[in-house]
Amino acid sequence: MEMTGEQRIKAPQGIVWWALNDRDVLQASIPGCKTLAKTSETGFEATVTAKIGPVSATFTGAVVLSDIDAPHSYRISGQGKGGIAGFASGSADIHLVPDGDETVLTYTVHAQVGGKLAQIGSRLIDSAARSPAAQVFVNFSECLSALGPKDARKTGVVVPTIWV
């Protein structure tokens, strides 16, 4: 399965890049993300609850950042196991392009599922996965808007001093 999209974010490229690498912002952006722990400069462990069609499961797994070209692009890849539900793996190529005081974030997501999830059928999986995948980037944009320069100190999230 492959999905592409674009999200205009009302923040400069440097701030968007910082947020793409911040554990708290990423966790708040991923629907169903229960935990996200940084394990290295480029790695995380995650627990995510997801519902695809009639199957609901909690996935645990690892996420790795690679092909890093700061502050322009990276690839985020992960795989998770959902017990009897099966497994999911995928990656997203993220690209940032500055546009005045805003940033255009484009993404291409590749995903695979196996086990009970794969038995549901590719049409149902594709339609069920598109909304949450796009929602990550909508949530990300909303999270950054909430962390705007005026409100950044109220959130408890540490943001770069160039923005506050």
C-alpha atoms as a PDB file:
ATOM      1  CA  MET A   1       0.000   0.000   0.000  1.00  0.00           C
ATOM      2  CA  GLU A   2       1.279   3.470  -0.862  1.00  0.00           C
ATOM      3  CA  MET A   3      -0.135   6.857   0.154  1.00  0.00           C
ATOM      4  CA  THR A   4       1.048  10.357  -0.668  1.00  0.00           C
ATOM      5  CA  GLY A   5       0.024  13.726   0.657  1.00  0.00           C
ATOM      6  CA  GLU A   6       0.946  17.255   1.530  1.00  0.00           C
ATOM      7  CA  GLN A   7       0.414  19.434   4.588  1.00  0.00           C
ATOM      8  CA  ARG A   8       1.046  23.189   4.811  1.00  0.00           C
ATOM      9  CA  ILE A   9       2.368  24.047   8.262  1.00  0.00           C
ATOM     10  CA  LYS A  10       2.311  27.558   9.713  1.00  0.00           C
ATOM     11  CA  ALA A  11       5.850  27.435  11.058  1.00  0.00           C
ATOM     12  CA  PRO A  12       9.324  27.978   9.610  1.00  0.00           C
ATOM     13  CA  GLN A  13      11.246  24.979   8.263  1.00  0.00           C
ATOM     14  CA  GLY A  14      13.665  24.883  11.221  1.00  0.00           C
ATOM     15  CA  ILE A  15      10.811  24.587  13.706  1.00  0.00           C
ATOM     16  CA  VAL A  16       9.068  21.904  11.645  1.00  0.00           C
ATOM     17  CA  TRP A  17      12.337  19.958  11.461  1.00  0.00           C
ATOM     18  CA  TRP A  18      12.802  20.261  15.221  1.00  0.00           C
ATOM     19  CA  ALA A  19       9.234  19.001  15.793  1.00  0.00           C
ATOM     20  CA  LEU A  20       9.724  16.031  13.457  1.00  0.00           C
ATOM     21  CA  ASN A  21      12.504  14.924  15.778  1.00  0.00           C
ATOM     22  CA  ASP A  22      10.794  15.710  19.096  1.00  0.00           C
ATOM     23  CA  ARG A  23       9.375  12.734  21.002  1.00  0.00           C
ATOM     24  CA  ASP A  24       6.506  14.662  22.607  1.00  0.00           C
ATOM     25  CA  VAL A  25       5.314  16.212  19.353  1.00  0.00           C
ATOM     26  CA  LEU A  26       5.549  12.894  17.494  1.00  0.00           C
ATOM     27  CA  GLN A  27       3.644  11.039  20.206  1.00  0.00           C
ATOM     28  CA  ALA A  28       0.892  13.669  20.198  1.00  0.00           C
ATOM     29  CA  SER A  29       0.658  13.418  16.398  1.00  0.00           C
ATOM     30  CA  ILE A  30       0.276   9.648  16.026  1.00  0.00           C
ATOM     31  CA  PRO A  31      -3.327   8.480  16.517  1.00  0.00           C
ATOM     32  CA  GLY A  32      -3.532   5.800  19.212  1.00  0.00           C
ATOM     33  CA  CYS A  33       0.092   6.270  20.331  1.00  0.00           C
ATOM     34  CA  LYS A  34       0.262   5.233  23.984  1.00  0.00           C
ATOM     35  CA  THR A  35       4.035   5.425  24.460  1.00  0.00           C
ATOM     36  CA  LEU A  36       7.003   6.648  22.457  1.00  0.00           C
ATOM     37  CA  ALA A  37      10.421   6.316  24.059  1.00  0.00           C
ATOM     38  CA  LYS A  38      13.622   7.566  22.480  1.00  0.00           C
ATOM     39  CA  THR A  39      16.193   4.743  22.397  1.00  0.00           C
ATOM     40  CA  SER A  40      18.945   6.508  20.448  1.00  0.00           C
ATOM     41  CA  GLU A  41      19.568   9.630  18.381  1.00  0.00           C
ATOM     42  CA  THR A  42      17.601   8.056  15.545  1.00  0.00           C
ATOM     43  CA  GLY A  43      15.479   5.393  17.245  1.00  0.00           C
ATOM     44  CA  PHE A  44      12.272   5.057  19.237  1.00  0.00           C
ATOM     45  CA  GLU A  45      10.178   2.276  20.762  1.00  0.00           C
ATOM     46  CA  ALA A  46       6.422   2.719  20.448  1.00  0.00           C
ATOM     47  CA  THR A  47       3.119   1.277  21.600  1.00  0.00           C
ATOM     48  CA  VAL A  48       0.164   2.126  19.362  1.00  0.00           C
ATOM     49  CA  THR A  49      -3.439   0.972  19.510  1.00  0.00           C
ATOM     50  CA  ALA A  50      -5.102   0.766  16.094  1.00  0.00           C
ATOM     51  CA  LYS A  51      -8.360  -0.483  14.640  1.00  0.00           C
ATOM     52  CA  ILE A  52      -8.408  -1.693  11.065  1.00  0.00           C
ATOM     53  CA  GLY A  53     -11.824  -2.890  10.003  1.00  0.00           C
ATOM     54  CA  PRO A  54     -13.084  -5.353  12.605  1.00  0.00           C
ATOM     55  CA  VAL A  55      -9.600  -5.950  14.058  1.00  0.00           C
ATOM     56  CA  SER A  56      -8.366  -3.856  16.973  1.00  0.00           C
ATOM     57  CA  ALA A  57      -4.902  -4.432  18.373  1.00  0.00           C
ATOM     58  CA  THR A  58      -2.083  -2.889  20.332  1.00  0.00           C
ATOM     59  CA  PHE A  59       1.173  -2.895  18.412  1.00  0.00           C
ATOM     60  CA  THR A  60       4.604  -2.649  19.987  1.00  0.00           C
ATOM     61  CA  GLY A  61       7.666  -2.039  17.910  1.00  0.00           C
ATOM     62  CA  ALA A  62      10.619   0.034  16.868  1.00  0.00           C
ATOM     63  CA  VAL A  63      10.870   3.191  14.773  1.00  0.00           C
ATOM     64  CA  VAL A  64      14.087   4.377  13.102  1.00  0.00           C
ATOM     65  CA  LEU A  65      14.980   7.619  11.327  1.00  0.00           C
ATOM     66  CA  SER A  66      17.295   7.268   8.319  1.00  0.00           C
ATOM     67  CA  ASP A  67      18.379   9.041   5.120  1.00  0.00           C
ATOM     68  CA  ILE A  68      18.568  12.207   7.213  1.00  0.00           C
ATOM     69  CA  ASP A  69      19.194  15.447   5.296  1.00  0.00           C
ATOM     70  CA  ALA A  70      18.573  18.064   7.991  1.00  0.00           C
ATOM     71  CA  PRO A  71      16.458  20.195   7.802  1.00  0.00           C
ATOM     72  CA  HIS A  72      15.034  19.007   4.475  1.00  0.00           C
ATOM     73  CA  SER A  73      14.081  15.338   4.637  1.00  0.00           C
ATOM     74  CA  TYR A  74      14.266  11.952   6.280  1.00  0.00           C
ATOM     75  CA  ARG A  75      12.756   8.501   6.200  1.00  0.00           C
ATOM     76  CA  ILE A  76      10.925   7.178   9.230  1.00  0.00           C
ATOM     77  CA  SER A  77      10.566   3.382   9.254  1.00  0.00           C
ATOM     78  CA  GLY A  78       8.941   1.071  11.715  1.00  0.00           C
ATOM     79  CA  GLN A  79       7.593  -2.338  12.393  1.00  0.00           C
ATOM     80  CA  GLY A  80       5.279  -3.561  15.065  1.00  0.00           C
ATOM     81  CA  LYS A  81       3.718  -6.751  16.323  1.00  0.00           C
ATOM     82  CA  GLY A  82       0.094  -6.872  17.329  1.00  0.00           C
ATOM     83  CA  GLY A  83      -0.104 -10.344  18.814  1.00  0.00           C
ATOM     84  CA  ILE A  84      -2.827 -12.452  17.233  1.00  0.00           C
ATOM     85  CA  ALA A  85      -3.769  -9.545  14.931  1.00  0.00           C
ATOM     86  CA  GLY A  86      -0.472  -9.890  13.082  1.00  0.00           C
ATOM     87  CA  PHE A  87       2.171  -7.358  12.213  1.00  0.00           C
ATOM     88  CA  ALA A  88       2.540  -4.052  10.431  1.00  0.00           C
ATOM     89  CA  SER A  89       5.598  -2.457   8.913  1.00  0.00           C
ATOM     90  CA  GLY A  90       6.174   0.607   6.848  1.00  0.00           C
ATOM     91  CA  SER A  91       8.049   3.755   6.138  1.00  0.00           C
ATOM     92  CA  ALA A  92       7.346   7.370   5.303  1.00  0.00           C
ATOM     93  CA  ASP A  93       9.575   9.636   3.247  1.00  0.00           C
ATOM     94  CA  ILE A  94       9.154  13.160   4.604  1.00  0.00           C
ATOM     95  CA  HIS A  95      10.257  16.286   2.701  1.00  0.00           C
ATOM     96  CA  LEU A  96      10.133  19.890   3.898  1.00  0.00           C
ATOM     97  CA  VAL A  97      10.126  22.912   1.590  1.00  0.00           C
ATOM     98  CA  PRO A  98      10.144  26.435   3.050  1.00  0.00           C
ATOM     99  CA  ASP A  99       7.495  28.829   1.730  1.00  0.00           C
ATOM    100  CA  GLY A 100       7.904  32.220   3.378  1.00  0.00           C
ATOM    101  CA  ASP A 101       7.090  31.857   7.093  1.00  0.00           C
ATOM    102  CA  GLU A 102       5.441  28.485   6.430  1.00  0.00           C
ATOM    103  CA  THR A 103       6.645  25.023   5.444  1.00  0.00           C
ATOM    104  CA  VAL A 104       5.171  22.552   2.976  1.00  0.00           C
ATOM    105  CA  LEU A 105       5.538  18.993   4.254  1.00  0.00           C
ATOM    106  CA  THR A 106       5.110  16.248   1.656  1.00  0.00           C
ATOM    107  CA  TYR A 107       5.050  12.558   2.442  1.00  0.00           C
ATOM    108  CA  THR A 108       4.982   9.180   0.778  1.00  0.00           C
ATOM    109  CA  VAL A 109       3.948   6.305   3.025  1.00  0.00           C
ATOM    110  CA  HIS A 110       4.578   2.627   2.247  1.00  0.00           C
ATOM    111  CA  ALA A 111       2.912   0.042   4.501  1.00  0.00           C
ATOM    112  CA  GLN A 112       2.526  -3.724   4.755  1.00  0.00           C
ATOM    113  CA  VAL A 113       0.505  -5.911   7.080  1.00  0.00           C
ATOM    114  CA  GLY A 114       0.533  -9.634   7.793  1.00  0.00           C
ATOM    115  CA  GLY A 115      -1.266 -12.200   9.885  1.00  0.00           C
ATOM    116  CA  LYS A 116      -4.954 -11.756  10.704  1.00  0.00           C
ATOM    117  CA  LEU A 117      -4.813  -8.188   9.381  1.00  0.00           C
ATOM    118  CA  ALA A 118      -3.796  -9.411   5.937  1.00  0.00           C
ATOM    119  CA  GLN A 119      -6.815 -11.728   5.848  1.00  0.00           C
ATOM    120  CA  ILE A 120      -9.205  -8.767   6.022  1.00  0.00           C
ATOM    121  CA  GLY A 121      -8.492  -7.861   2.426  1.00  0.00           C
ATOM    122  CA  SER A 122      -6.400  -5.188   0.799  1.00  0.00           C
ATOM    123  CA  ARG A 123      -9.322  -2.873  -0.090  1.00  0.00           C
ATOM    124  CA  LEU A 124     -10.511  -2.630   3.487  1.00  0.00           C
ATOM    125  CA  ILE A 125      -6.972  -2.248   4.806  1.00  0.00           C
ATOM    126  CA  ASP A 126      -6.169   0.488   2.277  1.00  0.00           C
ATOM    127  CA  SER A 127      -9.273   2.512   3.089  1.00  0.00           C
ATOM    128  CA  ALA A 128      -8.900   2.003   6.844  1.00  0.00           C
ATOM    129  CA  ALA A 129      -5.216   2.998   6.807  1.00  0.00           C
ATOM    130  CA  ARG A 130      -5.475   6.135   4.659  1.00  0.00           C
ATOM    131  CA  SER A 131      -7.370   8.193   7.208  1.00  0.00           C
ATOM    132  CA  PRO A 132      -5.040   7.552  10.185  1.00  0.00           C
ATOM    133  CA  ALA A 133      -1.938   8.054   8.007  1.00  0.00           C
ATOM    134  CA  ALA A 134      -3.200  11.436   6.806  1.00  0.00           C
ATOM    135  CA  GLN A 135      -4.357  12.250  10.358  1.00  0.00           C
ATOM    136  CA  VAL A 136      -0.771  12.004  11.631  1.00  0.00           C
ATOM    137  CA  PHE A 137       0.184  15.017   9.536  1.00  0.00           C
ATOM    138  CA  VAL A 138      -2.984  16.974  10.365  1.00  0.00           C
ATOM    139  CA  ASN A 139      -2.312  16.334  14.077  1.00  0.00           C
ATOM    140  CA  PHE A 140       1.329  17.310  13.587  1.00  0.00           C
ATOM    141  CA  SER A 141       0.310  20.625  12.010  1.00  0.00           C
ATOM    142  CA  GLU A 142      -2.230  21.299  14.781  1.00  0.00           C
ATOM    143  CA  CYS A 143       0.345  20.441  17.441  1.00  0.00           C
ATOM    144  CA  LEU A 144       2.775  22.946  15.965  1.00  0.00           C
ATOM    145  CA  SER A 145       0.053  25.591  15.772  1.00  0.00           C
ATOM    146  CA  ALA A 146      -0.620  25.003  19.477  1.00  0.00           C
ATOM    147  CA  LEU A 147       3.106  25.445  20.132  1.00  0.00           C
ATOM    148  CA  GLY A 148       3.214  28.791  18.318  1.00  0.00           C
ATOM    149  CA  PRO A 149       5.576  31.465  19.618  1.00  0.00           C
ATOM    150  CA  LYS A 150       2.982  33.036  21.939  1.00  0.00           C
ATOM    151  CA  ASP A 151       1.957  29.790  23.636  1.00  0.00           C
ATOM    152  CA  ALA A 152       5.171  27.774  23.505  1.00  0.00           C
ATOM    153  CA  ARG A 153       6.127  28.327  27.129  1.00  0.00           C
ATOM    154  CA  LYS A 154       2.660  27.372  28.424  1.00  0.00           C
ATOM    155  CA  THR A 155       2.755  23.857  26.960  1.00  0.00           C
ATOM    156  CA  GLY A 156       5.633  22.415  28.945  1.00  0.00           C
ATOM    157  CA  VAL A 157       7.232  21.245  25.698  1.00  0.00           C
ATOM    158  CA  VAL A 158      10.683  22.730  25.266  1.00  0.00           C
ATOM    159  CA  VAL A 159      10.855  24.502  21.912  1.00  0.00           C
ATOM    160  CA  PRO A 160      13.862  26.096  20.233  1.00  0.00           C
ATOM    161  CA  THR A 161      14.677  29.565  21.549  1.00  0.00           C
ATOM    162  CA  ILE A 162      14.580  30.983  18.010  1.00  0.00           C
ATOM    163  CA  TRP A 163      10.806  30.540  18.111  1.00  0.00           C
ATOM    164  CA  VAL A 164      10.007  31.943  21.554  1.00  0.00           C
END
